[in-house]
Amino acid sequence: MSNIALYVLIASATIASPGPGVILSITNSLTHGRKKIAYGILGISLGMLGVAIFSATSIGLVIATSKKMFLAIQLVGAMYIFYLGFKIAFGKRKSFVLESDSNLEVSSTSAGRLFKEGLLTSLSNPKPILFFMAVFPQFIDTEQTYLSQFLILASAFCLLVLLIHFCYEEAFALASRYLWKAQDNL
């Protein structure tokens, strides 16, 4: 646990790299606005906590050592990501309403649905299982209590997910407002 700064650096790089959760956060930021984006990000973060708990148990070891089981999880994750992409590409188009200060809001998607999508996106992604199984042991001191160390590492990861995904949200919300203003000026 003396290398917690290194863990935070590795976890931050992993979280910030584009993946299903980042893509979902960006998509939600562009289509649902600031008022609802937090629910999706919270779902992603809590899903990661679930994956961390799952990975910390011996069940995670079974998946990592069983190629068939890991392939099954990958396929389920890929099907869910395909479903989200299909829904975005061919789903019912929603109209944007420009509010004051050029904030975008789409009112037809509930906060609960965004939370559920974030949660399922994290839970169906098999890569975090391997991340937790590969990285956690490197930062666990066998002389100390495992549970307290696990809670620190998992909590840090979940907080970093919140922080980094909100940064993505802010960046794309700013870009979106800039593009809407530029379009209005044409």
Protein backbone atom coordinates (compact mmCIF):
# COMPACT_ATOMS: atom_id res chain seq x y z
CA MET A 1 0.00 0.00 0.00
CA SER A 2 3.03 2.27 0.06
CA ASN A 3 2.75 2.68 -3.72
CA ILE A 4 -0.79 4.05 -3.74
CA ALA A 5 0.30 6.99 -5.95
CA LEU A 6 1.50 4.53 -8.60
CA TYR A 7 -1.80 2.67 -8.36
CA VAL A 8 -3.74 5.93 -8.84
CA LEU A 9 -1.61 6.72 -11.90
CA ILE A 10 -2.16 3.28 -13.45
CA ALA A 11 -5.87 3.30 -12.63
CA SER A 12 -6.29 6.82 -14.03
CA ALA A 13 -4.65 5.86 -17.32
CA THR A 14 -6.83 2.77 -17.56
CA ILE A 15 -10.03 4.66 -16.81
CA ALA A 16 -9.21 7.52 -19.18
CA SER A 17 -8.47 5.22 -22.11
CA PRO A 18 -11.44 4.99 -24.45
CA GLY A 19 -13.70 2.05 -23.77
CA PRO A 20 -17.41 1.32 -23.44
CA GLY A 21 -17.82 3.43 -20.27
CA VAL A 22 -16.06 6.47 -21.74
CA ILE A 23 -18.04 6.18 -24.96
CA LEU A 24 -21.29 5.93 -23.00
CA SER A 25 -20.38 9.00 -20.90
CA ILE A 26 -19.52 11.02 -24.00
CA THR A 27 -22.70 9.92 -25.77
CA ASN A 28 -24.83 10.77 -22.75
CA SER A 29 -23.10 14.14 -22.44
CA LEU A 30 -23.92 15.01 -26.04
CA THR A 31 -27.47 13.68 -26.05
CA HIS A 32 -28.83 14.16 -22.53
CA GLY A 33 -27.12 17.22 -21.13
CA ARG A 34 -25.68 17.92 -17.71
CA LYS A 35 -28.78 17.35 -15.64
CA LYS A 36 -28.90 13.61 -16.26
CA ILE A 37 -25.32 12.63 -17.07
CA ALA A 38 -24.42 12.07 -13.41
CA TYR A 39 -26.77 9.07 -13.21
CA GLY A 40 -24.98 7.27 -16.04
CA ILE A 41 -21.57 8.01 -14.57
CA LEU A 42 -22.71 6.81 -11.14
CA GLY A 43 -23.93 3.58 -12.76
CA ILE A 44 -20.56 3.10 -14.43
CA SER A 45 -18.73 3.68 -11.14
CA LEU A 46 -20.93 1.33 -9.12
CA GLY A 47 -20.62 -1.27 -11.88
CA MET A 48 -16.86 -1.04 -11.54
CA LEU A 49 -17.22 -1.63 -7.80
CA GLY A 50 -19.22 -4.74 -8.60
CA VAL A 51 -16.52 -5.90 -11.03
CA ALA A 52 -13.84 -5.23 -8.38
CA ILE A 53 -15.74 -7.29 -5.80
CA PHE A 54 -16.30 -10.03 -8.35
CA SER A 55 -12.60 -10.01 -9.26
CA ALA A 56 -11.54 -10.15 -5.64
CA THR A 57 -13.31 -13.44 -5.18
CA SER A 58 -12.22 -16.81 -6.46
CA ILE A 59 -14.94 -16.58 -9.14
CA GLY A 60 -12.81 -13.99 -10.93
CA LEU A 61 -9.95 -16.49 -10.95
CA VAL A 62 -12.17 -19.11 -12.60
CA ILE A 63 -13.07 -16.70 -15.38
CA ALA A 64 -9.46 -15.67 -15.92
CA THR A 65 -8.31 -19.30 -16.18
CA SER A 66 -11.26 -20.63 -18.21
CA LYS A 67 -11.00 -19.53 -21.82
CA LYS A 68 -14.57 -20.62 -22.56
CA MET A 69 -16.03 -18.71 -19.61
CA PHE A 70 -13.99 -15.59 -20.45
CA LEU A 71 -15.07 -15.86 -24.10
CA ALA A 72 -18.71 -16.12 -22.99
CA ILE A 73 -18.37 -12.94 -20.91
CA GLN A 74 -16.64 -11.19 -23.79
CA LEU A 75 -19.46 -12.18 -26.14
CA VAL A 76 -22.15 -10.97 -23.73
CA GLY A 77 -20.24 -7.69 -23.32
CA ALA A 78 -19.83 -7.33 -27.09
CA MET A 79 -23.54 -7.99 -27.66
CA TYR A 80 -24.49 -5.33 -25.13
CA ILE A 81 -22.11 -2.80 -26.69
CA PHE A 82 -23.53 -3.70 -30.13
CA TYR A 83 -27.04 -3.19 -28.76
CA LEU A 84 -26.11 0.27 -27.42
CA GLY A 85 -24.51 1.22 -30.75
CA PHE A 86 -27.50 -0.09 -32.71
CA LYS A 87 -29.88 1.81 -30.46
CA ILE A 88 -27.90 5.02 -30.97
CA ALA A 89 -27.58 4.57 -34.73
CA PHE A 90 -31.08 3.34 -35.55
CA GLY A 91 -33.15 4.28 -32.53
CA LYS A 92 -35.86 6.88 -32.40
CA ARG A 93 -34.33 10.30 -32.91
CA LYS A 94 -34.82 12.74 -30.09
CA SER A 95 -35.03 16.44 -30.64
CA PHE A 96 -32.83 18.80 -28.72
CA VAL A 97 -34.22 21.76 -26.84
CA LEU A 98 -31.87 24.67 -26.39
CA GLU A 99 -32.21 26.07 -22.92
CA SER A 100 -30.80 29.31 -21.69
CA ASP A 101 -27.00 29.41 -21.73
CA SER A 102 -27.11 26.86 -24.60
CA ASN A 103 -27.48 23.80 -22.35
CA LEU A 104 -28.81 20.78 -24.20
CA GLU A 105 -31.47 18.64 -22.62
CA VAL A 106 -33.36 15.63 -23.87
CA SER A 107 -36.23 14.98 -21.52
CA SER A 108 -37.45 11.57 -22.72
CA THR A 109 -34.72 9.40 -21.14
CA SER A 110 -35.10 8.78 -17.43
CA ALA A 111 -32.28 9.07 -14.94
CA GLY A 112 -32.92 5.48 -13.88
CA ARG A 113 -32.42 4.25 -17.42
CA LEU A 114 -29.13 6.13 -17.72
CA PHE A 115 -27.99 4.64 -14.40
CA LYS A 116 -28.94 1.13 -15.57
CA GLU A 117 -27.10 1.58 -18.88
CA GLY A 118 -23.97 2.72 -17.04
CA LEU A 119 -24.18 -0.16 -14.58
CA LEU A 120 -24.69 -2.78 -17.31
CA THR A 121 -21.91 -1.30 -19.43
CA SER A 122 -19.43 -1.76 -16.58
CA LEU A 123 -20.70 -5.17 -15.53
CA SER A 124 -20.62 -6.55 -19.08
CA ASN A 125 -17.07 -5.42 -19.81
CA PRO A 126 -14.62 -8.28 -19.09
CA LYS A 127 -11.45 -6.19 -19.31
CA PRO A 128 -11.79 -4.65 -15.82
CA ILE A 129 -11.87 -8.16 -14.33
CA LEU A 130 -8.42 -8.82 -15.72
CA PHE A 131 -7.27 -5.34 -14.70
CA PHE A 132 -8.29 -5.89 -11.09
CA MET A 133 -6.88 -9.40 -11.00
CA ALA A 134 -3.56 -8.28 -12.48
CA VAL A 135 -3.13 -4.96 -10.67
CA PHE A 136 -4.63 -5.50 -7.20
CA PRO A 137 -2.09 -8.16 -6.16
CA GLN A 138 0.76 -5.80 -7.02
CA PHE A 139 -0.44 -3.32 -4.40
CA ILE A 140 -1.55 -5.68 -1.65
CA ASP A 141 0.73 -6.11 1.35
CA THR A 142 0.38 -9.70 2.56
CA GLU A 143 1.33 -8.60 6.07
CA GLN A 144 -1.76 -6.38 6.32
CA THR A 145 -5.48 -7.13 6.31
CA TYR A 146 -6.66 -7.90 2.77
CA LEU A 147 -10.17 -6.48 3.16
CA SER A 148 -9.08 -2.99 4.21
CA GLN A 149 -6.54 -2.80 1.38
CA PHE A 150 -9.12 -4.03 -1.13
CA LEU A 151 -11.61 -1.41 0.05
CA ILE A 152 -9.03 1.36 -0.35
CA LEU A 153 -8.02 0.26 -3.85
CA ALA A 154 -11.59 -0.36 -5.05
CA SER A 155 -12.86 2.91 -3.56
CA ALA A 156 -10.01 4.84 -5.15
CA PHE A 157 -10.81 3.26 -8.50
CA CYS A 158 -14.52 4.13 -8.24
CA LEU A 159 -13.77 7.72 -7.24
CA LEU A 160 -11.36 8.04 -10.16
CA VAL A 161 -14.08 6.74 -12.49
CA LEU A 162 -16.39 9.50 -11.25
CA LEU A 163 -13.74 12.19 -11.57
CA ILE A 164 -12.45 11.20 -15.02
CA HIS A 165 -15.86 10.59 -16.53
CA PHE A 166 -17.10 13.96 -15.25
CA CYS A 167 -14.02 15.52 -16.90
CA TYR A 168 -15.00 13.86 -20.18
CA GLU A 169 -18.55 15.09 -19.69
CA GLU A 170 -17.41 18.67 -19.11
CA ALA A 171 -15.07 18.64 -22.11
CA PHE A 172 -17.75 17.36 -24.45
CA ALA A 173 -20.44 19.61 -22.98
CA LEU A 174 -18.19 22.61 -23.68
CA ALA A 175 -17.46 21.39 -27.19
CA SER A 176 -21.16 20.82 -27.79
CA ARG A 177 -22.09 24.33 -26.64
CA TYR A 178 -19.32 25.79 -28.81
CA LEU A 179 -20.56 23.87 -31.86
CA TRP A 180 -24.18 24.93 -31.27
CA LYS A 181 -23.10 28.57 -30.98
CA ALA A 182 -20.98 28.25 -34.13
CA GLN A 183 -23.93 26.73 -35.96
CA ASP A 184 -26.20 29.58 -34.86
CA ASN A 185 -23.68 32.10 -36.22
CA LEU A 186 -23.71 30.54 -39.73
